[in-house]
Each structure stands twice: as structure tokens, then as C-alpha cells.
């Protein structure tokens, strides 16, 4: 996203999410991959990577990143997206037209 507001525990969405597309101010969203899944008692971790291509015709500065997930209400069957991770990138990363941006998260857990 392009928002610069500080992250809070109650955030439910990014400040200014960059839309998918090829017009001004948008990124082409690429695939998402899960790699390096490892468990070593009692810890586990994996890497989430997603790629974005700037085909908008101009540079875009990324100031925030996040992960959205989809949930489904078991009673109604309605699905909705919600944010499960949100971080500010400071300083922002300028992605020139035709360049690729890779966002990487490494969730870790102890059980």
C-alpha cells in the first residue's frame, strides 16, 4: 500500500491498498508461494512470498505491506477478506515502471 499511518493492533485494513491492474497507481499481483516449511520441536516456520509487477507507466512508492486472508461464515456461507499482518515500510520502496517487487513474510510459531 501507499499509506503511511502507524500500524495499530486494531487495524482491519491497510491505509491505502494498491489495486491490481495495469493503469496508473496499480500493480499486477503475481502468485503467492509458501516455501521452506520447517519444524524442529517445538518451533515451526515457513516463508510466504508474493510478487508484484509495476506496469502502470510510472513509479509507485510502497509504504506498507500486509497479508489478507479469506474467512467463511459457517452459517451463511458468506466469505470476506480480513487482514492478518500489517507493517509499515520505512523508508518507502520506490518501484519503477516495469520493475518487480517481492514481499516476504516468515511466520514463526512455538507449540
PDB file of N, CA and C in Angstrom:
ATOM      1  N   UNK A   1       0.811  -1.191   0.000  1.00  0.00           N
ATOM      2  CA  UNK A   1       0.000   0.000   0.000  1.00  0.00           C
ATOM      3  C   UNK A   1       0.853   1.252   0.000  1.00  0.00           C
ATOM      4  N   UNK A   2       0.184   2.372  -0.129  1.00  0.00           N
ATOM      5  CA  UNK A   2       0.891   3.653  -0.134  1.00  0.00           C
ATOM      6  C   UNK A   2       0.651   4.456   1.137  1.00  0.00           C
ATOM      7  N   UNK A   3      -0.142   3.932   2.062  1.00  0.00           N
ATOM      8  CA  UNK A   3      -0.428   4.638   3.312  1.00  0.00           C
ATOM      9  C   UNK A   3       0.788   4.729   4.207  1.00  0.00           C
ATOM     10  N   UNK A   4       0.794   5.741   5.071  1.00  0.00           N
ATOM     11  CA  UNK A   4       1.929   5.950   5.975  1.00  0.00           C
ATOM     12  C   UNK A   4       1.515   6.027   7.440  1.00  0.00           C
ATOM     13  N   UNK A   5       0.248   5.761   7.725  1.00  0.00           N
ATOM     14  CA  UNK A   5      -0.228   5.818   9.108  1.00  0.00           C
ATOM     15  C   UNK A   5       0.369   4.672   9.911  1.00  0.00           C
ATOM     16  N   UNK A   6       0.771   4.953  11.151  1.00  0.00           N
ATOM     17  CA  UNK A   6       1.368   3.925  12.006  1.00  0.00           C
ATOM     18  C   UNK A   6       0.423   2.737  12.179  1.00  0.00           C
ATOM     19  N   UNK A   7       1.009   1.548  12.265  1.00  0.00           N
ATOM     20  CA  UNK A   7       0.255   0.312  12.466  1.00  0.00           C
ATOM     21  C   UNK A   7      -0.237   0.240  13.907  1.00  0.00           C
ATOM     22  N   UNK A   8      -1.478  -0.240  14.098  1.00  0.00           N
ATOM     23  CA  UNK A   8      -2.025  -0.462  15.440  1.00  0.00           C
ATOM     24  C   UNK A   8      -2.572  -1.886  15.517  1.00  0.00           C
ATOM     25  N   UNK A   9      -2.705  -2.447  16.723  1.00  0.00           N
ATOM     26  CA  UNK A   9      -3.238  -3.808  16.865  1.00  0.00           C
ATOM     27  C   UNK A   9      -4.683  -3.952  16.385  1.00  0.00           C
ATOM     28  N   UNK A  10      -5.403  -2.859  16.252  1.00  0.00           N
ATOM     29  CA  UNK A  10      -6.804  -2.933  15.840  1.00  0.00           C
ATOM     30  C   UNK A  10      -7.009  -2.692  14.341  1.00  0.00           C
ATOM     31  N   UNK A  11      -5.925  -2.581  13.566  1.00  0.00           N
ATOM     32  CA  UNK A  11      -6.053  -2.384  12.121  1.00  0.00           C
ATOM     33  C   UNK A  11      -6.831  -3.535  11.497  1.00  0.00           C
ATOM     34  N   UNK A  12      -7.760  -3.193  10.607  1.00  0.00           N
ATOM     35  CA  UNK A  12      -8.508  -4.224   9.884  1.00  0.00           C
ATOM     36  C   UNK A  12      -8.254  -4.147   8.378  1.00  0.00           C
ATOM     37  N   UNK A  13      -7.544  -3.112   7.950  1.00  0.00           N
ATOM     38  CA  UNK A  13      -7.217  -2.947   6.535  1.00  0.00           C
ATOM     39  C   UNK A  13      -6.010  -2.022   6.410  1.00  0.00           C
ATOM     40  N   UNK A  14      -5.318  -2.108   5.276  1.00  0.00           N
ATOM     41  CA  UNK A  14      -4.221  -1.184   5.022  1.00  0.00           C
ATOM     42  C   UNK A  14      -4.768   0.217   4.820  1.00  0.00           C
ATOM     43  N   UNK A  15      -3.926   1.209   5.055  1.00  0.00           N
ATOM     44  CA  UNK A  15      -4.360   2.591   4.877  1.00  0.00           C
ATOM     45  C   UNK A  15      -4.777   2.884   3.454  1.00  0.00           C
ATOM     46  N   UNK A  16      -3.927   2.556   2.496  1.00  0.00           N
ATOM     47  CA  UNK A  16      -4.223   2.779   1.079  1.00  0.00           C
ATOM     48  C   UNK A  16      -3.675   1.599   0.292  1.00  0.00           C
ATOM     49  N   UNK A  17      -4.495   0.602   0.080  1.00  0.00           N
ATOM     50  CA  UNK A  17      -4.083  -0.608  -0.633  1.00  0.00           C
ATOM     51  C   UNK A  17      -3.888  -0.291  -2.119  1.00  0.00           C
ATOM     52  N   UNK A  18      -2.838  -0.834  -2.721  1.00  0.00           N
ATOM     53  CA  UNK A  18      -2.584  -0.652  -4.147  1.00  0.00           C
ATOM     54  C   UNK A  18      -3.405  -1.699  -4.896  1.00  0.00           C
ATOM     55  N   UNK A  19      -4.258  -1.234  -5.781  1.00  0.00           N
ATOM     56  CA  UNK A  19      -5.151  -2.126  -6.525  1.00  0.00           C
ATOM     57  C   UNK A  19      -4.394  -2.944  -7.565  1.00  0.00           C
ATOM     58  N   UNK A  20      -5.002  -4.059  -7.961  1.00  0.00           N
ATOM     59  CA  UNK A  20      -4.469  -4.903  -9.034  1.00  0.00           C
ATOM     60  C   UNK A  20      -4.847  -4.290 -10.378  1.00  0.00           C
ATOM     61  N   UNK A  21      -3.879  -4.185 -11.292  1.00  0.00           N
ATOM     62  CA  UNK A  21      -4.185  -3.666 -12.618  1.00  0.00           C
ATOM     63  C   UNK A  21      -2.943  -3.211 -13.347  1.00  0.00           C
ATOM     64  N   UNK A  22      -3.163  -2.535 -14.475  1.00  0.00           N
ATOM     65  CA  UNK A  22      -2.054  -2.025 -15.289  1.00  0.00           C
ATOM     66  C   UNK A  22      -2.232  -0.543 -15.594  1.00  0.00           C
ATOM     67  N   UNK A  23      -3.078   0.129 -14.829  1.00  0.00           N
ATOM     68  CA  UNK A  23      -3.267   1.565 -15.011  1.00  0.00           C
ATOM     69  C   UNK A  23      -2.482   2.317 -13.945  1.00  0.00           C
ATOM     70  N   UNK A  24      -2.437   3.628 -14.041  1.00  0.00           N
ATOM     71  CA  UNK A  24      -1.675   4.453 -13.119  1.00  0.00           C
ATOM     72  C   UNK A  24      -1.985   4.103 -11.665  1.00  0.00           C
ATOM     73  N   UNK A  25      -0.920   3.903 -10.876  1.00  0.00           N
ATOM     74  CA  UNK A  25      -1.067   3.648  -9.447  1.00  0.00           C
ATOM     75  C   UNK A  25      -1.445   2.226  -9.073  1.00  0.00           C
ATOM     76  N   UNK A  26      -1.360   1.280 -10.023  1.00  0.00           N
ATOM     77  CA  UNK A  26      -1.720  -0.105  -9.723  1.00  0.00           C
ATOM     78  C   UNK A  26      -0.548  -1.048  -9.987  1.00  0.00           C
ATOM     79  N   UNK A  27      -0.600  -2.226  -9.369  1.00  0.00           N
ATOM     80  CA  UNK A  27       0.370  -3.301  -9.588  1.00  0.00           C
ATOM     81  C   UNK A  27      -0.350  -4.507 -10.175  1.00  0.00           C
ATOM     82  N   UNK A  28       0.356  -5.280 -10.967  1.00  0.00           N
ATOM     83  CA  UNK A  28      -0.142  -6.594 -11.356  1.00  0.00           C
ATOM     84  C   UNK A  28       0.257  -7.554 -10.238  1.00  0.00           C
ATOM     85  N   UNK A  29      -0.732  -8.158  -9.579  1.00  0.00           N
ATOM     86  CA  UNK A  29      -0.469  -9.087  -8.490  1.00  0.00           C
ATOM     87  C   UNK A  29      -0.060 -10.434  -9.071  1.00  0.00           C
ATOM     88  N   UNK A  30       1.079 -10.938  -8.656  1.00  0.00           N
ATOM     89  CA  UNK A  30       1.544 -12.243  -9.099  1.00  0.00           C
ATOM     90  C   UNK A  30       1.135 -13.325  -8.113  1.00  0.00           C
ATOM     91  N   UNK A  31       1.677 -14.496  -8.333  1.00  0.00           N
ATOM     92  CA  UNK A  31       1.355 -15.635  -7.478  1.00  0.00           C
ATOM     93  C   UNK A  31       1.940 -15.498  -6.082  1.00  0.00           C
ATOM     94  N   UNK A  32       1.398 -16.300  -5.191  1.00  0.00           N
ATOM     95  CA  UNK A  32       1.861 -16.354  -3.807  1.00  0.00           C
ATOM     96  C   UNK A  32       2.442 -17.746  -3.601  1.00  0.00           C
ATOM     97  N   UNK A  33       3.567 -17.825  -2.904  1.00  0.00           N
ATOM     98  CA  UNK A  33       4.160 -19.130  -2.669  1.00  0.00           C
ATOM     99  C   UNK A  33       4.516 -19.325  -1.203  1.00  0.00           C
ATOM    100  N   UNK A  34       4.410 -20.564  -0.772  1.00  0.00           N
ATOM    101  CA  UNK A  34       4.828 -20.981   0.561  1.00  0.00           C
ATOM    102  C   UNK A  34       6.032 -21.893   0.385  1.00  0.00           C
ATOM    103  N   UNK A  35       7.143 -21.546   1.022  1.00  0.00           N
ATOM    104  CA  UNK A  35       8.370 -22.331   0.890  1.00  0.00           C
ATOM    105  C   UNK A  35       9.059 -22.465   2.239  1.00  0.00           C
ATOM    106  N   UNK A  36      10.035 -23.343   2.286  1.00  0.00           N
ATOM    107  CA  UNK A  36      10.887 -23.526   3.466  1.00  0.00           C
ATOM    108  C   UNK A  36      10.096 -23.839   4.733  1.00  0.00           C
ATOM    109  N   UNK A  37       9.117 -24.731   4.605  1.00  0.00           N
ATOM    110  CA  UNK A  37       8.343 -25.131   5.779  1.00  0.00           C
ATOM    111  C   UNK A  37       9.213 -26.058   6.612  1.00  0.00           C
ATOM    112  N   UNK A  38       9.514 -25.627   7.846  1.00  0.00           N
ATOM    113  CA  UNK A  38      10.364 -26.428   8.725  1.00  0.00           C
ATOM    114  C   UNK A  38       9.775 -26.487  10.117  1.00  0.00           C
ATOM    115  N   UNK A  39       9.917 -27.651  10.727  1.00  0.00           N
ATOM    116  CA  UNK A  39       9.508 -27.841  12.115  1.00  0.00           C
ATOM    117  C   UNK A  39      10.644 -28.526  12.850  1.00  0.00           C
ATOM    118  N   UNK A  40      11.024 -27.945  13.971  1.00  0.00           N
ATOM    119  CA  UNK A  40      12.043 -28.519  14.836  1.00  0.00           C
ATOM    120  C   UNK A  40      11.532 -28.323  16.251  1.00  0.00           C
ATOM    121  N   UNK A  41      11.024 -29.381  16.838  1.00  0.00           N
ATOM    122  CA  UNK A  41      10.351 -29.339  18.131  1.00  0.00           C
ATOM    123  C   UNK A  41      11.020 -28.365  19.080  1.00  0.00           C
ATOM    124  N   UNK A  42      10.346 -27.347  19.582  1.00  0.00           N
ATOM    125  CA  UNK A  42       8.914 -27.081  19.487  1.00  0.00           C
ATOM    126  C   UNK A  42       8.568 -25.949  18.503  1.00  0.00           C
ATOM    127  N   UNK A  43       9.477 -25.614  17.595  1.00  0.00           N
ATOM    128  CA  UNK A  43       9.283 -24.442  16.731  1.00  0.00           C
ATOM    129  C   UNK A  43       8.943 -24.829  15.289  1.00  0.00           C
ATOM    130  N   UNK A  44       8.228 -23.935  14.626  1.00  0.00           N
ATOM    131  CA  UNK A  44       7.929 -24.110  13.219  1.00  0.00           C
ATOM    132  C   UNK A  44       7.960 -22.766  12.526  1.00  0.00           C
ATOM    133  N   UNK A  45       8.300 -22.779  11.243  1.00  0.00           N
ATOM    134  CA  UNK A  45       8.270 -21.553  10.459  1.00  0.00           C
ATOM    135  C   UNK A  45       8.131 -21.896   8.987  1.00  0.00           C
ATOM    136  N   UNK A  46       7.708 -20.895   8.211  1.00  0.00           N
ATOM    137  CA  UNK A  46       7.622 -21.031   6.768  1.00  0.00           C
ATOM    138  C   UNK A  46       7.732 -19.648   6.159  1.00  0.00           C
ATOM    139  N   UNK A  47       7.992 -19.592   4.866  1.00  0.00           N
ATOM    140  CA  UNK A  47       8.156 -18.331   4.166  1.00  0.00           C
ATOM    141  C   UNK A  47       6.985 -18.133   3.207  1.00  0.00           C
ATOM    142  N   UNK A  48       6.392 -16.942   3.257  1.00  0.00           N
ATOM    143  CA  UNK A  48       5.339 -16.552   2.324  1.00  0.00           C
ATOM    144  C   UNK A  48       5.930 -15.468   1.426  1.00  0.00           C
ATOM    145  N   UNK A  49       5.863 -15.687   0.102  1.00  0.00           N
ATOM    146  CA  UNK A  49       6.366 -14.680  -0.845  1.00  0.00           C
ATOM    147  C   UNK A  49       5.289 -14.384  -1.881  1.00  0.00           C
ATOM    148  N   UNK A  50       5.176 -13.101  -2.227  1.00  0.00           N
ATOM    149  CA  UNK A  50       4.280 -12.702  -3.311  1.00  0.00           C
ATOM    150  C   UNK A  50       4.993 -11.659  -4.152  1.00  0.00           C
ATOM    151  N   UNK A  51       4.753 -11.730  -5.456  1.00  0.00           N
ATOM    152  CA  UNK A  51       5.411 -10.848  -6.407  1.00  0.00           C
ATOM    153  C   UNK A  51       4.404  -9.871  -7.005  1.00  0.00           C
ATOM    154  N   UNK A  52       4.863  -8.639  -7.226  1.00  0.00           N
ATOM    155  CA  UNK A  52       4.044  -7.583  -7.807  1.00  0.00           C
ATOM    156  C   UNK A  52       4.838  -6.927  -8.926  1.00  0.00           C
ATOM    157  N   UNK A  53       4.212  -6.715 -10.079  1.00  0.00           N
ATOM    158  CA  UNK A  53       4.867  -6.060 -11.213  1.00  0.00           C
ATOM    159  C   UNK A  53       4.237  -4.692 -11.426  1.00  0.00           C
ATOM    160  N   UNK A  54       5.089  -3.689 -11.551  1.00  0.00           N
ATOM    161  CA  UNK A  54       4.599  -2.349 -11.836  1.00  0.00           C
ATOM    162  C   UNK A  54       4.526  -2.170 -13.347  1.00  0.00           C
ATOM    163  N   UNK A  55       3.311  -2.223 -13.879  1.00  0.00           N
ATOM    164  CA  UNK A  55       3.085  -1.993 -15.313  1.00  0.00           C
ATOM    165  C   UNK A  55       2.190  -0.775 -15.492  1.00  0.00           C
ATOM    166  N   UNK A  56       2.288   0.158 -14.547  1.00  0.00           N
ATOM    167  CA  UNK A  56       1.382   1.307 -14.510  1.00  0.00           C
ATOM    168  C   UNK A  56       1.842   2.482 -15.365  1.00  0.00           C
ATOM    169  N   UNK A  57       3.112   2.460 -15.785  1.00  0.00           N
ATOM    170  CA  UNK A  57       3.632   3.569 -16.566  1.00  0.00           C
ATOM    171  C   UNK A  57       4.362   4.610 -15.745  1.00  0.00           C
ATOM    172  N   UNK A  58       4.370   4.453 -14.404  1.00  0.00           N
ATOM    173  CA  UNK A  58       5.053   5.415 -13.532  1.00  0.00           C
ATOM    174  C   UNK A  58       5.540   4.698 -12.281  1.00  0.00           C
ATOM    175  N   UNK A  59       6.457   5.325 -11.572  1.00  0.00           N
ATOM    176  CA  UNK A  59       6.973   4.769 -10.320  1.00  0.00           C
ATOM    177  C   UNK A  59       5.889   4.806  -9.233  1.00  0.00           C
ATOM    178  N   UNK A  60       5.886   3.787  -8.360  1.00  0.00           N
ATOM    179  CA  UNK A  60       4.963   3.727  -7.223  1.00  0.00           C
ATOM    180  C   UNK A  60       5.805   3.488  -5.973  1.00  0.00           C
ATOM    181  N   UNK A  61       5.592   4.277  -4.927  1.00  0.00           N
ATOM    182  CA  UNK A  61       6.316   4.084  -3.681  1.00  0.00           C
ATOM    183  C   UNK A  61       5.455   3.279  -2.711  1.00  0.00           C
ATOM    184  N   UNK A  62       5.990   2.146  -2.273  1.00  0.00           N
ATOM    185  CA  UNK A  62       5.300   1.261  -1.338  1.00  0.00           C
ATOM    186  C   UNK A  62       5.719   1.641   0.071  1.00  0.00           C
ATOM    187  N   UNK A  63       4.725   1.990   0.901  1.00  0.00           N
ATOM    188  CA  UNK A  63       4.979   2.395   2.284  1.00  0.00           C
ATOM    189  C   UNK A  63       4.418   1.418   3.311  1.00  0.00           C
ATOM    190  N   UNK A  64       3.599   0.468   2.874  1.00  0.00           N
ATOM    191  CA  UNK A  64       3.018  -0.503   3.803  1.00  0.00           C
ATOM    192  C   UNK A  64       2.791  -1.817   3.065  1.00  0.00           C
ATOM    193  N   UNK A  65       2.886  -2.906   3.809  1.00  0.00           N
ATOM    194  CA  UNK A  65       2.624  -4.239   3.272  1.00  0.00           C
ATOM    195  C   UNK A  65       1.745  -4.982   4.267  1.00  0.00           C
ATOM    196  N   UNK A  66       1.083  -6.010   3.789  1.00  0.00           N
ATOM    197  CA  UNK A  66       0.231  -6.790   4.676  1.00  0.00           C
ATOM    198  C   UNK A  66      -0.169  -8.096   4.035  1.00  0.00           C
ATOM    199  N   UNK A  67      -0.830  -8.915   4.832  1.00  0.00           N
ATOM    200  CA  UNK A  67      -1.368 -10.183   4.359  1.00  0.00           C
ATOM    201  C   UNK A  67      -2.856 -10.193   4.642  1.00  0.00           C
ATOM    202  N   UNK A  68      -3.625 -10.505   3.605  1.00  0.00           N
ATOM    203  CA  UNK A  68      -5.070 -10.679   3.748  1.00  0.00           C
ATOM    204  C   UNK A  68      -5.389 -12.165   3.631  1.00  0.00           C
ATOM    205  N   UNK A  69      -6.383 -12.595   4.382  1.00  0.00           N
ATOM    206  CA  UNK A  69      -6.860 -13.968   4.312  1.00  0.00           C
ATOM    207  C   UNK A  69      -8.358 -13.929   4.043  1.00  0.00           C
ATOM    208  N   UNK A  70      -8.930 -15.070   3.724  1.00  0.00           N
ATOM    209  CA  UNK A  70     -10.367 -15.143   3.473  1.00  0.00           C
ATOM    210  C   UNK A  70     -10.994 -16.072   4.496  1.00  0.00           C
ATOM    211  N   UNK A  71     -12.099 -15.623   5.076  1.00  0.00           N
ATOM    212  CA  UNK A  71     -12.854 -16.444   6.016  1.00  0.00           C
ATOM    213  C   UNK A  71     -14.264 -16.644   5.509  1.00  0.00           C
ATOM    214  N   UNK A  72     -14.906 -17.720   5.974  1.00  0.00           N
ATOM    215  CA  UNK A  72     -16.276 -18.017   5.568  1.00  0.00           C
ATOM    216  C   UNK A  72     -17.126 -18.225   6.804  1.00  0.00           C
ATOM    217  N   UNK A  73     -18.279 -17.559   6.841  1.00  0.00           N
ATOM    218  CA  UNK A  73     -19.238 -17.749   7.932  1.00  0.00           C
ATOM    219  C   UNK A  73     -19.874 -19.123   7.765  1.00  0.00           C
ATOM    220  N   UNK A  74     -19.747 -19.970   8.792  1.00  0.00           N
ATOM    221  CA  UNK A  74     -20.251 -21.335   8.660  1.00  0.00           C
ATOM    222  C   UNK A  74     -21.768 -21.411   8.571  1.00  0.00           C
ATOM    223  N   UNK A  75     -22.468 -20.394   9.036  1.00  0.00           N
ATOM    224  CA  UNK A  75     -23.929 -20.404   8.975  1.00  0.00           C
ATOM    225  C   UNK A  75     -24.470 -19.910   7.637  1.00  0.00           C
ATOM    226  N   UNK A  76     -23.931 -18.770   7.165  1.00  0.00           N
ATOM    227  CA  UNK A  76     -24.453 -18.171   5.933  1.00  0.00           C
ATOM    228  C   UNK A  76     -23.675 -18.587   4.688  1.00  0.00           C
ATOM    229  N   UNK A  77     -22.428 -19.021   4.877  1.00  0.00           N
ATOM    230  CA  UNK A  77     -21.589 -19.351   3.730  1.00  0.00           C
ATOM    231  C   UNK A  77     -20.947 -18.139   3.093  1.00  0.00           C
ATOM    232  N   UNK A  78     -21.209 -16.936   3.633  1.00  0.00           N
ATOM    233  CA  UNK A  78     -20.620 -15.713   3.092  1.00  0.00           C
ATOM    234  C   UNK A  78     -19.127 -15.673   3.388  1.00  0.00           C
ATOM    235  N   UNK A  79     -18.343 -15.235   2.413  1.00  0.00           N
ATOM    236  CA  UNK A  79     -16.900 -15.126   2.571  1.00  0.00           C
ATOM    237  C   UNK A  79     -16.500 -13.656   2.629  1.00  0.00           C
ATOM    238  N   UNK A  80     -15.427 -13.362   3.333  1.00  0.00           N
ATOM    239  CA  UNK A  80     -14.911 -11.999   3.411  1.00  0.00           C
ATOM    240  C   UNK A  80     -13.403 -12.053   3.600  1.00  0.00           C
ATOM    241  N   UNK A  81     -12.732 -10.990   3.172  1.00  0.00           N
ATOM    242  CA  UNK A  81     -11.285 -10.873   3.348  1.00  0.00           C
ATOM    243  C   UNK A  81     -10.997 -10.058   4.600  1.00  0.00           C
ATOM    244  N   UNK A  82      -9.970 -10.461   5.330  1.00  0.00           N
ATOM    245  CA  UNK A  82      -9.551  -9.705   6.510  1.00  0.00           C
ATOM    246  C   UNK A  82      -8.033  -9.729   6.598  1.00  0.00           C
ATOM    247  N   UNK A  83      -7.472  -8.675   7.198  1.00  0.00           N
ATOM    248  CA  UNK A  83      -6.028  -8.520   7.272  1.00  0.00           C
ATOM    249  C   UNK A  83      -5.480  -9.257   8.482  1.00  0.00           C
ATOM    250  N   UNK A  84      -4.412 -10.061   8.269  1.00  0.00           N
ATOM    251  CA  UNK A  84      -3.809 -10.800   9.374  1.00  0.00           C
ATOM    252  C   UNK A  84      -2.387 -10.336   9.685  1.00  0.00           C
ATOM    253  N   UNK A  85      -1.822  -9.478   8.847  1.00  0.00           N
ATOM    254  CA  UNK A  85      -0.500  -8.893   9.096  1.00  0.00           C
ATOM    255  C   UNK A  85      -0.466  -7.522   8.442  1.00  0.00           C
ATOM    256  N   UNK A  86       0.221  -6.570   9.097  1.00  0.00           N
ATOM    257  CA  UNK A  86       0.306  -5.200   8.579  1.00  0.00           C
ATOM    258  C   UNK A  86       1.598  -4.576   9.079  1.00  0.00           C
ATOM    259  N   UNK A  87       2.404  -4.076   8.156  1.00  0.00           N
ATOM    260  CA  UNK A  87       3.672  -3.452   8.513  1.00  0.00           C
ATOM    261  C   UNK A  87       3.916  -2.207   7.674  1.00  0.00           C
ATOM    262  N   UNK A  88       4.543  -1.217   8.291  1.00  0.00           N
ATOM    263  CA  UNK A  88       4.969  -0.008   7.587  1.00  0.00           C
ATOM    264  C   UNK A  88       6.382  -0.237   7.054  1.00  0.00           C
ATOM    265  N   UNK A  89       6.635   0.197   5.821  1.00  0.00           N
ATOM    266  CA  UNK A  89       7.955   0.114   5.197  1.00  0.00           C
ATOM    267  C   UNK A  89       8.552   1.514   5.263  1.00  0.00           C
ATOM    268  N   UNK A  90       9.648   1.658   6.006  1.00  0.00           N
ATOM    269  CA  UNK A  90      10.236   2.981   6.166  1.00  0.00           C
ATOM    270  C   UNK A  90      11.757   2.876   6.080  1.00  0.00           C
ATOM    271  N   UNK A  91      12.370   3.562   5.132  1.00  0.00           N
ATOM    272  CA  UNK A  91      11.713   4.426   4.154  1.00  0.00           C
ATOM    273  C   UNK A  91      10.973   3.586   3.112  1.00  0.00           C
ATOM    274  N   UNK A  92      10.043   4.226   2.431  1.00  0.00           N
ATOM    275  CA  UNK A  92       9.279   3.553   1.390  1.00  0.00           C
ATOM    276  C   UNK A  92      10.179   3.036   0.271  1.00  0.00           C
ATOM    277  N   UNK A  93       9.680   2.046  -0.458  1.00  0.00           N
ATOM    278  CA  UNK A  93      10.425   1.453  -1.566  1.00  0.00           C
ATOM    279  C   UNK A  93       9.803   1.927  -2.870  1.00  0.00           C
ATOM    280  N   UNK A  94      10.583   2.650  -3.673  1.00  0.00           N
ATOM    281  CA  UNK A  94      10.106   3.119  -4.969  1.00  0.00           C
ATOM    282  C   UNK A  94      10.261   1.989  -5.982  1.00  0.00           C
ATOM    283  N   UNK A  95       9.155   1.607  -6.616  1.00  0.00           N
ATOM    284  CA  UNK A  95       9.160   0.552  -7.627  1.00  0.00           C
ATOM    285  C   UNK A  95       8.938   1.228  -8.975  1.00  0.00           C
ATOM    286  N   UNK A  96       9.980   1.266  -9.790  1.00  0.00           N
ATOM    287  CA  UNK A  96       9.895   1.937 -11.094  1.00  0.00           C
ATOM    288  C   UNK A  96       8.999   1.142 -12.041  1.00  0.00           C
ATOM    289  N   UNK A  97       8.482   1.814 -13.045  1.00  0.00           N
ATOM    290  CA  UNK A  97       7.682   1.144 -14.064  1.00  0.00           C
ATOM    291  C   UNK A  97       8.470  -0.031 -14.644  1.00  0.00           C
ATOM    292  N   UNK A  98       7.822  -1.146 -14.828  1.00  0.00           N
ATOM    293  CA  UNK A  98       8.323  -2.433 -15.340  1.00  0.00           C
ATOM    294  C   UNK A  98       9.119  -3.229 -14.311  1.00  0.00           C
ATOM    295  N   UNK A  99       9.354  -2.707 -13.116  1.00  0.00           N
ATOM    296  CA  UNK A  99      10.107  -3.454 -12.108  1.00  0.00           C
ATOM    297  C   UNK A  99       9.210  -4.386 -11.317  1.00  0.00           C
ATOM    298  N   UNK A 100       9.840  -5.393 -10.703  1.00  0.00           N
ATOM    299  CA  UNK A 100       9.178  -6.405  -9.902  1.00  0.00           C
ATOM    300  C   UNK A 100       9.464  -6.156  -8.430  1.00  0.00           C
ATOM    301  N   UNK A 101       8.445  -6.276  -7.589  1.00  0.00           N
ATOM    302  CA  UNK A 101       8.589  -6.154  -6.138  1.00  0.00           C
ATOM    303  C   UNK A 101       8.267  -7.505  -5.529  1.00  0.00           C
ATOM    304  N   UNK A 102       9.120  -7.974  -4.624  1.00  0.00           N
ATOM    305  CA  UNK A 102       8.852  -9.212  -3.888  1.00  0.00           C
ATOM    306  C   UNK A 102       8.636  -8.861  -2.422  1.00  0.00           C
ATOM    307  N   UNK A 103       7.512  -9.310  -1.865  1.00  0.00           N
ATOM    308  CA  UNK A 103       7.213  -9.122  -0.449  1.00  0.00           C
ATOM    309  C   UNK A 103       7.345 -10.476   0.229  1.00  0.00           C
ATOM    310  N   UNK A 104       8.096 -10.530   1.328  1.00  0.00           N
ATOM    311  CA  UNK A 104       8.359 -11.786   2.027  1.00  0.00           C
ATOM    312  C   UNK A 104       7.997 -11.653   3.503  1.00  0.00           C
ATOM    313  N   UNK A 105       7.248 -12.636   3.999  1.00  0.00           N
ATOM    314  CA  UNK A 105       6.956 -12.768   5.425  1.00  0.00           C
ATOM    315  C   UNK A 105       7.441 -14.138   5.876  1.00  0.00           C
ATOM    316  N   UNK A 106       7.952 -14.242   7.108  1.00  0.00           N
ATOM    317  CA  UNK A 106       8.363 -15.524   7.672  1.00  0.00           C
ATOM    318  C   UNK A 106       7.651 -15.703   9.022  1.00  0.00           C
ATOM    319  N   UNK A 107       6.437 -16.272   9.002  1.00  0.00           N
ATOM    320  CA  UNK A 107       5.728 -16.545  10.263  1.00  0.00           C
ATOM    321  C   UNK A 107       6.441 -17.649  11.043  1.00  0.00           C
ATOM    322  N   UNK A 108       6.485 -17.493  12.357  1.00  0.00           N
ATOM    323  CA  UNK A 108       7.110 -18.477  13.230  1.00  0.00           C
ATOM    324  C   UNK A 108       6.163 -18.793  14.375  1.00  0.00           C
ATOM    325  N   UNK A 109       6.243 -20.017  14.861  1.00  0.00           N
ATOM    326  CA  UNK A 109       5.403 -20.406  15.982  1.00  0.00           C
ATOM    327  C   UNK A 109       6.144 -21.353  16.893  1.00  0.00           C
ATOM    328  N   UNK A 110       5.759 -21.359  18.143  1.00  0.00           N
ATOM    329  CA  UNK A 110       6.265 -22.314  19.119  1.00  0.00           C
ATOM    330  C   UNK A 110       5.072 -23.031  19.724  1.00  0.00           C
ATOM    331  N   UNK A 111       5.121 -24.357  19.710  1.00  0.00           N
ATOM    332  CA  UNK A 111       4.000 -25.133  20.253  1.00  0.00           C
ATOM    333  C   UNK A 111       4.445 -25.984  21.425  1.00  0.00           C
TER     334      UNK A 111
END
